[in-house]
Amino acid sequence: MTAANLSDTICKSGYTGGIRPNSNITGPEKTANIKSYGYTGDPRDAEYDHLISLELGGDPDDPRNLWVEPPSPGHKQGGGTANPKDTVENQLHSLICSGKVGLVDAQVAIATDWTTALATVGHPTGK
């Protein structure tokens, strides 16, 4: 993944669907990862997430890019895996594909601290 091939990769509609690992692979990985992290909550409420999301050019299969993300504060048990990090990832994706933020800058920002990633790249609102 490079800045030169963005239009053929992450900025191309349907790209992440073509590289996303199948749940028959990620399900057992998530179970093992939950044990390694010592997560004790309901597994259905934890997301097996990419540190650098696929839409930001993250590796779909590298174990260093995958982790069990616990539910966000205020999450209702049984409420699924939606979390605020997803919105930040979507905003960074739009900024990259519009040429407002560099790919590597966005990747470093999200991997360092997703809660400050937009501000780090100079777009606190994602616009």
Protein backbone atom coordinates (compact mmCIF):
# COMPACT_ATOMS: atom_id res chain seq x y z
CA MET A 1 0.00 0.00 0.00
CA THR A 2 1.48 3.32 -1.07
CA ALA A 3 0.27 6.81 -1.83
CA ALA A 4 0.78 5.97 -5.51
CA ASN A 5 -1.76 3.13 -5.58
CA LEU A 6 -4.54 4.53 -3.38
CA SER A 7 -7.04 4.77 -6.24
CA ASP A 8 -6.59 1.06 -6.94
CA THR A 9 -6.66 0.00 -3.30
CA ILE A 10 -8.28 1.66 -0.28
CA CYS A 11 -9.97 4.42 -2.29
CA LYS A 12 -11.57 1.91 -4.67
CA SER A 13 -15.13 0.92 -3.78
CA GLY A 14 -15.32 -2.65 -2.49
CA TYR A 15 -11.61 -2.95 -1.77
CA THR A 16 -11.87 -3.98 1.89
CA GLY A 17 -14.51 -6.61 1.13
CA GLY A 18 -12.07 -8.31 -1.19
CA ILE A 19 -9.30 -8.58 1.40
CA ARG A 20 -11.25 -9.02 4.65
CA PRO A 21 -10.55 -12.41 6.26
CA ASN A 22 -13.49 -14.82 6.44
CA SER A 23 -15.14 -15.29 9.84
CA ASN A 24 -14.25 -19.00 9.81
CA ILE A 25 -10.64 -17.79 10.11
CA THR A 26 -11.14 -14.80 12.40
CA GLY A 27 -13.55 -16.56 14.79
CA PRO A 28 -10.97 -19.01 16.16
CA GLU A 29 -8.32 -16.27 16.11
CA LYS A 30 -10.60 -14.01 18.16
CA THR A 31 -11.18 -16.76 20.71
CA ALA A 32 -7.44 -17.32 21.11
CA ASN A 33 -6.78 -13.58 21.25
CA ILE A 34 -9.44 -13.12 23.95
CA LYS A 35 -7.63 -15.68 26.10
CA SER A 36 -4.23 -14.05 25.51
CA TYR A 37 -5.57 -10.64 26.60
CA GLY A 38 -7.44 -12.07 29.59
CA TYR A 39 -10.69 -10.49 28.38
CA THR A 40 -13.56 -11.78 30.52
CA GLY A 41 -16.54 -9.98 29.02
CA ASP A 42 -19.03 -11.34 26.52
CA PRO A 43 -17.07 -12.15 23.31
CA ARG A 44 -20.01 -10.90 21.22
CA ASP A 45 -19.46 -7.42 22.68
CA ALA A 46 -15.74 -7.34 21.83
CA GLU A 47 -14.59 -6.60 18.31
CA TYR A 48 -11.70 -8.48 16.73
CA ASP A 49 -10.32 -5.31 15.27
CA HIS A 50 -7.47 -4.15 13.09
CA LEU A 51 -5.22 -1.63 14.82
CA ILE A 52 -4.81 0.03 11.42
CA SER A 53 -8.11 -0.66 9.70
CA LEU A 54 -8.32 -2.18 6.24
CA GLU A 55 -9.74 1.07 4.91
CA LEU A 56 -6.53 2.79 6.04
CA GLY A 57 -4.28 0.19 4.42
CA GLY A 58 -3.84 -2.10 7.42
CA ASP A 59 -2.74 -5.69 6.91
CA PRO A 60 -5.78 -7.99 7.05
CA ASP A 61 -3.94 -11.04 8.42
CA ASP A 62 -0.93 -9.84 10.41
CA PRO A 63 -1.42 -10.79 14.09
CA ARG A 64 0.42 -7.60 15.09
CA ASN A 65 -2.43 -5.65 13.47
CA LEU A 66 -5.25 -7.58 15.17
CA TRP A 67 -6.51 -7.33 18.73
CA VAL A 68 -9.65 -7.79 20.78
CA GLU A 69 -11.15 -4.36 21.29
CA PRO A 70 -13.35 -4.32 24.38
CA PRO A 71 -16.66 -2.46 24.33
CA SER A 72 -16.54 1.32 24.69
CA PRO A 73 -17.54 2.93 28.00
CA GLY A 74 -21.30 3.12 28.31
CA HIS A 75 -21.78 0.10 26.06
CA LYS A 76 -24.90 -1.93 26.81
CA GLN A 77 -24.19 -5.63 27.23
CA GLY A 78 -25.36 -7.56 24.18
CA GLY A 79 -25.32 -4.39 22.08
CA GLY A 80 -22.83 -5.65 19.52
CA THR A 81 -19.47 -4.24 18.58
CA ALA A 82 -20.12 -0.73 17.23
CA ASN A 83 -17.61 1.71 18.69
CA PRO A 84 -16.46 5.31 18.17
CA LYS A 85 -13.13 4.19 16.65
CA ASP A 86 -15.05 3.14 13.52
CA THR A 87 -16.18 6.73 12.91
CA VAL A 88 -12.61 8.01 13.22
CA GLU A 89 -11.43 5.36 10.74
CA ASN A 90 -14.13 6.41 8.27
CA GLN A 91 -13.19 10.08 8.60
CA LEU A 92 -9.48 9.36 8.13
CA HIS A 93 -10.30 7.25 5.06
CA SER A 94 -12.20 10.17 3.53
CA LEU A 95 -9.35 12.56 4.31
CA ILE A 96 -6.78 10.24 2.70
CA CYS A 97 -8.85 9.65 -0.43
CA SER A 98 -9.54 13.37 -0.84
CA GLY A 99 -5.80 14.09 -0.61
CA LYS A 100 -6.09 16.12 2.58
CA VAL A 101 -4.06 13.70 4.74
CA GLY A 102 -1.17 11.43 3.85
CA LEU A 103 -1.57 7.67 4.16
CA VAL A 104 1.35 7.15 6.54
CA ASP A 105 0.36 10.15 8.66
CA ALA A 106 -3.12 8.67 9.15
CA GLN A 107 -1.76 5.19 9.88
CA VAL A 108 0.68 6.46 12.50
CA ALA A 109 -1.99 8.65 14.10
CA ILE A 110 -4.58 5.84 14.40
CA ALA A 111 -2.02 3.32 15.67
CA THR A 112 -0.66 5.76 18.26
CA ASP A 113 -4.00 6.88 19.76
CA TRP A 114 -7.24 6.64 17.83
CA THR A 115 -8.92 9.11 20.21
CA THR A 116 -6.57 11.90 19.07
CA ALA A 117 -5.89 10.71 15.50
CA LEU A 118 -7.99 13.35 13.74
CA ALA A 119 -6.46 16.18 15.74
CA THR A 120 -2.98 14.74 15.17
CA VAL A 121 -3.40 14.94 11.40
CA GLY A 122 -4.79 18.46 11.67
CA HIS A 123 -8.49 17.69 11.19
CA PRO A 124 -10.14 17.58 14.62
CA THR A 125 -13.61 17.22 13.10
CA GLY A 126 -12.61 15.00 10.17
CA LYS A 127 -13.60 17.67 7.63
